[in-house]
Amino acid sequence: MLATPPILHRALLRAARRSGLLEGMRTTFLAVRRAVAAAVLTVPFLASPAAAATQFALPELTGSFAAGRDVVHLVDSARGDPWAPGNPREPMVSMFYPTADQRGRASPYLTVTEARLFLHAQRVDGIVDAMAFSGARTTAVTAARPRHGRFPMVVLPPGLADHRAADISFLIDRLTASRPAWRHACHVDRRRIGVAGHSIGGNAAATTTASDRRVRAGVPDAGSPLPGTRTAPVARAHVPAFFDQHLRGVPQRLPDGRPRTIPRSSSRRAGDP
């Protein structure tokens, strides 16, 4: 079970690059940077017929279960929102969970407005079509019925702001309360909670793991000295094994004959055996 803000991901942008859609981006980069503005929220644009025809897709699930998705709107009246002074902090959270119900529509990855904002922030608006970009669908079914049982929960904070640690603890508060904020919170095993994050999200993961005793396992990724072609194998080898061992009680070790280019890693909370 995953809890994460419905934040945009670079995977779609990488797909655009692989498709050839961004070929020649460097030659148009400066021109795109100058095409700023407030109109990015309201004015539709197409870079070219090829851009409009491009379809984006996310990777298929690799686990044993199909996935459902709910969106939870939280309100923390005790904290102010740094982007909206005078208003309470209001985290939006996507809950991804195991389901046996594969009927229904696939959950959207992002809205057209989110796509436009993301492309603008990446300085490729006008090169990638926001409508096509927002057409990607996750492999999760919207509002699907959860599978029976209780499952570990891993929180994935985005690397966007330094107040995420407080958001994570507040989320755990609201999901484990006597009147939880999520209608299916009874499926969360509060004894098996983990946090993983990248960049500032990695900092939040480390901070929360150290300060919140409800978190049993944390994976902070604050950047890697390895090139991208080596970072992905390291993450795929270590992160699932780490959470399997600490949240599911499944002993793990790297298989014999691992490539020398993939280093071993270990982590534990201070004070733990």
Protein backbone atom coordinates (compact mmCIF):
# COMPACT_ATOMS: atom_id res chain seq x y z
CA MET A 1 0.00 0.00 0.00
CA LEU A 2 1.40 3.38 -1.01
CA ALA A 3 0.48 6.85 0.19
CA THR A 4 1.82 9.67 -1.92
CA PRO A 5 0.79 13.19 -2.94
CA PRO A 6 -0.56 13.07 -6.53
CA ILE A 7 2.55 14.79 -7.79
CA LEU A 8 3.99 14.77 -11.29
CA HIS A 9 6.76 12.38 -12.19
CA ARG A 10 9.71 12.62 -14.58
CA ALA A 11 8.90 9.22 -16.11
CA LEU A 12 6.51 10.81 -18.59
CA LEU A 13 9.12 13.33 -19.66
CA ARG A 14 11.66 10.54 -20.15
CA ALA A 15 9.11 8.72 -22.30
CA ALA A 16 8.77 11.83 -24.43
CA ARG A 17 12.51 11.96 -24.91
CA ARG A 18 12.66 8.27 -25.87
CA SER A 19 9.86 8.75 -28.40
CA GLY A 20 11.88 11.40 -30.21
CA LEU A 21 9.34 14.06 -29.37
CA LEU A 22 11.97 16.17 -27.68
CA GLU A 23 14.55 15.82 -30.43
CA GLY A 24 15.86 19.25 -31.22
CA MET A 25 14.84 20.55 -27.80
CA ARG A 26 18.20 22.22 -27.26
CA THR A 27 17.81 24.38 -30.35
CA THR A 28 14.43 25.65 -29.16
CA PHE A 29 15.26 25.77 -25.46
CA LEU A 30 15.87 29.52 -25.22
CA ALA A 31 12.78 30.36 -27.23
CA VAL A 32 10.64 28.13 -25.00
CA ARG A 33 12.05 29.77 -21.87
CA ARG A 34 10.88 33.16 -23.13
CA ALA A 35 7.37 31.89 -23.78
CA VAL A 36 6.34 32.33 -20.17
CA ALA A 37 3.30 33.12 -18.60
CA ALA A 38 0.15 33.15 -16.92
CA ALA A 39 -1.55 31.90 -20.05
CA VAL A 40 -0.03 28.46 -19.44
CA LEU A 41 -3.06 27.63 -17.29
CA THR A 42 -5.71 28.48 -19.86
CA VAL A 43 -4.37 28.53 -23.42
CA PRO A 44 -4.23 25.17 -25.22
CA PHE A 45 -1.26 24.59 -27.49
CA LEU A 46 0.08 21.98 -29.88
CA ALA A 47 3.73 21.87 -30.78
CA SER A 48 3.14 19.87 -33.94
CA PRO A 49 0.88 17.13 -35.37
CA ALA A 50 3.46 14.60 -34.16
CA ALA A 51 3.27 16.00 -30.64
CA ALA A 52 -0.51 15.81 -30.66
CA ALA A 53 -0.45 12.20 -31.87
CA THR A 54 2.08 10.99 -29.29
CA GLN A 55 0.71 8.69 -26.62
CA PHE A 56 2.31 8.38 -23.21
CA ALA A 57 2.19 5.26 -21.06
CA LEU A 58 3.39 4.31 -17.59
CA PRO A 59 5.05 0.97 -16.74
CA GLU A 60 2.80 -1.95 -15.88
CA LEU A 61 2.60 -3.21 -12.30
CA THR A 62 5.14 -5.88 -11.36
CA GLY A 63 3.62 -7.06 -8.06
CA SER A 64 1.17 -9.85 -7.27
CA PHE A 65 -1.96 -7.69 -6.93
CA ALA A 66 -3.92 -5.26 -9.03
CA ALA A 67 -4.08 -1.72 -7.59
CA GLY A 68 -6.84 0.68 -6.62
CA ARG A 69 -6.49 4.41 -6.05
CA ASP A 70 -8.27 6.95 -3.84
CA VAL A 71 -7.46 10.63 -3.30
CA VAL A 72 -7.62 11.96 0.26
CA HIS A 73 -7.82 15.67 1.12
CA LEU A 74 -6.37 16.45 4.54
CA VAL A 75 -6.56 19.70 6.52
CA ASP A 76 -4.00 20.48 9.23
CA SER A 77 -5.41 23.46 11.11
CA ALA A 78 -2.35 23.62 13.36
CA ARG A 79 -0.03 24.59 10.50
CA GLY A 80 -0.17 27.30 7.88
CA ASP A 81 0.27 26.68 4.16
CA PRO A 82 3.50 28.28 2.86
CA TRP A 83 1.90 28.82 -0.58
CA ALA A 84 -1.33 30.29 0.80
CA PRO A 85 -0.57 32.54 3.81
CA GLY A 86 -3.41 32.73 6.27
CA ASN A 87 -4.77 29.31 5.28
CA PRO A 88 -4.27 25.92 6.95
CA ARG A 89 -1.96 23.32 5.44
CA GLU A 90 -4.01 21.04 3.14
CA PRO A 91 -2.05 18.03 1.87
CA MET A 92 -3.58 16.03 -1.00
CA VAL A 93 -2.69 12.35 -0.86
CA SER A 94 -3.06 9.51 -3.37
CA MET A 95 -3.67 6.13 -1.75
CA PHE A 96 -2.62 3.13 -3.87
CA TYR A 97 -3.70 -0.21 -2.41
CA PRO A 98 -4.16 -3.91 -3.32
CA THR A 99 -7.47 -4.81 -4.91
CA ALA A 100 -9.14 -7.81 -6.47
CA ASP A 101 -11.57 -5.56 -8.33
CA GLN A 102 -10.24 -4.70 -11.80
CA ARG A 103 -13.49 -3.29 -13.09
CA GLY A 104 -13.84 0.43 -13.57
CA ARG A 105 -11.72 3.07 -15.24
CA ALA A 106 -7.99 3.50 -14.93
CA SER A 107 -7.01 6.35 -12.68
CA PRO A 108 -5.55 9.41 -14.47
CA TYR A 109 -1.95 10.26 -13.70
CA LEU A 110 -2.42 14.04 -13.89
CA THR A 111 -4.89 16.63 -15.13
CA VAL A 112 -4.39 18.85 -18.18
CA THR A 113 -3.70 21.84 -15.92
CA GLU A 114 -1.12 19.86 -13.95
CA ALA A 115 0.47 18.75 -17.21
CA ARG A 116 0.75 22.34 -18.44
CA LEU A 117 2.27 23.50 -15.17
CA PHE A 118 4.75 20.64 -15.15
CA LEU A 119 5.82 21.15 -18.76
CA HIS A 120 6.18 24.86 -18.11
CA ALA A 121 8.35 24.18 -15.05
CA GLN A 122 10.50 21.82 -17.13
CA ARG A 123 10.75 24.53 -19.83
CA VAL A 124 9.40 22.29 -22.57
CA ASP A 125 5.92 23.78 -22.90
CA GLY A 126 5.24 24.27 -26.58
CA ILE A 127 7.34 21.19 -27.38
CA VAL A 128 5.23 18.55 -25.61
CA ASP A 129 1.45 18.67 -25.94
CA ALA A 130 -0.20 19.00 -22.53
CA MET A 131 -3.39 17.23 -23.63
CA ALA A 132 -1.47 14.17 -24.83
CA PHE A 133 0.76 14.30 -21.75
CA SER A 134 -2.25 14.26 -19.44
CA GLY A 135 -3.73 11.30 -21.34
CA ALA A 136 -1.46 8.84 -19.57
CA ARG A 137 -3.28 6.52 -17.20
CA THR A 138 -1.98 4.67 -14.17
CA THR A 139 -2.45 0.93 -13.78
CA ALA A 140 -4.68 1.59 -10.76
CA VAL A 141 -8.48 1.48 -10.84
CA THR A 142 -10.25 4.52 -9.39
CA ALA A 143 -12.10 3.81 -6.12
CA ALA A 144 -11.69 0.03 -6.43
CA ARG A 145 -12.68 -2.17 -3.51
CA PRO A 146 -9.59 -3.11 -1.37
CA ARG A 147 -8.55 -6.71 -0.88
CA HIS A 148 -9.39 -8.26 2.48
CA GLY A 149 -6.70 -7.95 5.13
CA ARG A 150 -4.18 -5.48 6.50
CA PHE A 151 -1.11 -4.40 4.59
CA PRO A 152 2.11 -2.47 5.20
CA MET A 153 2.03 1.17 4.15
CA VAL A 154 4.89 3.04 2.48
CA VAL A 155 4.65 6.85 2.28
CA LEU A 156 6.35 8.46 -0.72
CA PRO A 157 6.79 12.23 -0.19
CA PRO A 158 7.81 14.29 -3.22
CA GLY A 159 11.05 16.23 -3.22
CA LEU A 160 9.43 19.65 -3.40
CA ALA A 161 9.41 21.30 0.01
CA ASP A 162 11.10 21.09 3.38
CA HIS A 163 7.90 20.75 5.44
CA ARG A 164 7.16 17.23 4.14
CA ALA A 165 8.28 15.53 7.37
CA ALA A 166 5.45 17.24 9.24
CA ASP A 167 3.07 16.25 6.42
CA ILE A 168 4.11 12.60 6.75
CA SER A 169 3.53 12.44 10.51
CA PHE A 170 0.22 14.26 10.09
CA LEU A 171 -0.83 11.74 7.43
CA ILE A 172 0.00 8.85 9.75
CA ASP A 173 -1.99 10.58 12.52
CA ARG A 174 -5.03 10.87 10.28
CA LEU A 175 -4.85 7.32 8.93
CA THR A 176 -4.46 5.71 12.34
CA ALA A 177 -6.94 7.87 14.28
CA SER A 178 -10.13 6.47 15.79
CA ARG A 179 -11.98 8.32 13.03
CA PRO A 180 -9.53 8.06 10.14
CA ALA A 181 -9.52 10.40 7.15
CA TRP A 182 -9.57 7.53 4.63
CA ARG A 183 -12.60 5.27 4.35
CA HIS A 184 -10.40 2.17 3.89
CA ALA A 185 -7.89 2.97 6.63
CA CYS A 186 -8.80 -0.28 8.42
CA HIS A 187 -6.60 -2.04 5.83
CA VAL A 188 -3.48 -0.15 6.97
CA ASP A 189 -1.32 -2.16 9.36
CA ARG A 190 -0.14 0.59 11.70
CA ARG A 191 2.68 -1.63 12.96
CA ARG A 192 4.24 -1.80 9.49
CA ILE A 193 4.78 1.73 8.16
CA GLY A 194 7.71 2.85 6.01
CA VAL A 195 8.79 6.04 4.26
CA ALA A 196 10.84 6.53 1.10
CA GLY A 197 11.70 9.74 -0.70
CA HIS A 198 14.04 11.39 -3.18
CA SER A 199 15.89 14.71 -2.90
CA ILE A 200 14.15 16.89 -0.29
CA GLY A 201 11.62 14.08 -0.03
CA GLY A 202 14.56 11.88 0.98
CA ASN A 203 15.44 14.38 3.68
CA ALA A 204 11.83 14.22 4.88
CA ALA A 205 11.99 10.41 4.89
CA ALA A 206 15.15 10.44 7.02
CA THR A 207 13.76 13.07 9.41
CA THR A 208 10.47 11.23 9.87
CA THR A 209 12.15 7.84 10.35
CA ALA A 210 14.38 9.27 13.05
CA SER A 211 11.68 11.24 14.87
CA ASP A 212 8.46 9.24 14.46
CA ARG A 213 8.60 5.87 16.21
CA ARG A 214 5.63 4.61 14.22
CA VAL A 215 7.88 4.42 11.13
CA ARG A 216 9.73 1.10 11.09
CA ALA A 217 11.75 1.56 7.90
CA GLY A 218 12.96 4.52 5.89
CA VAL A 219 14.74 4.86 2.55
CA PRO A 220 16.10 8.38 2.01
CA ASP A 221 17.54 8.96 -1.46
CA ALA A 222 19.14 12.39 -1.38
CA GLY A 223 21.05 11.90 -4.60
CA SER A 224 23.50 9.35 -5.94
CA PRO A 225 27.11 9.53 -7.10
CA LEU A 226 26.26 6.78 -9.58
CA PRO A 227 25.21 7.52 -13.17
CA GLY A 228 21.55 7.01 -14.06
CA THR A 229 22.18 3.68 -15.77
CA ARG A 230 23.45 2.30 -12.45
CA THR A 231 21.13 4.10 -10.06
CA ALA A 232 18.01 2.25 -11.26
CA PRO A 233 19.48 -1.27 -10.76
CA VAL A 234 20.65 -0.29 -7.28
CA ALA A 235 17.20 1.01 -6.35
CA ARG A 236 15.44 -2.04 -7.80
CA ALA A 237 17.76 -4.40 -5.93
CA HIS A 238 17.80 -2.71 -2.55
CA VAL A 239 14.57 -0.81 -1.91
CA PRO A 240 12.03 -3.67 -2.30
CA ALA A 241 14.31 -6.04 -0.38
CA PHE A 242 14.72 -3.49 2.42
CA PHE A 243 10.97 -3.00 2.84
CA ASP A 244 10.28 -6.74 2.45
CA GLN A 245 12.62 -7.45 5.34
CA HIS A 246 11.56 -4.66 7.68
CA LEU A 247 7.82 -4.44 6.92
CA ARG A 248 6.96 -7.98 5.86
CA GLY A 249 9.47 -9.95 7.92
CA VAL A 250 10.89 -11.67 4.85
CA PRO A 251 14.66 -12.20 5.24
CA GLN A 252 16.54 -10.75 2.29
CA ARG A 253 20.00 -10.82 0.80
CA LEU A 254 21.36 -10.03 -2.62
CA PRO A 255 21.65 -13.11 -4.86
CA ASP A 256 25.05 -14.69 -5.43
CA GLY A 257 26.91 -13.43 -8.44
CA ARG A 258 25.66 -9.83 -8.21
CA PRO A 259 27.41 -7.40 -10.56
CA ARG A 260 30.35 -5.63 -8.94
CA THR A 261 28.91 -2.34 -10.19
CA ILE A 262 26.00 -2.65 -7.73
CA PRO A 263 27.21 -1.96 -4.18
CA ARG A 264 25.74 -3.47 -1.07
CA SER A 265 23.94 -1.17 1.34
CA SER A 266 22.44 -1.42 4.79
CA SER A 267 20.57 0.87 7.12
CA ARG A 268 19.13 0.80 10.61
CA ARG A 269 17.62 3.22 13.10
CA ALA A 270 19.91 4.47 15.86
CA GLY A 271 19.37 2.36 18.95
CA ASP A 272 17.99 -0.64 17.06
CA PRO A 273 19.93 -3.95 17.29
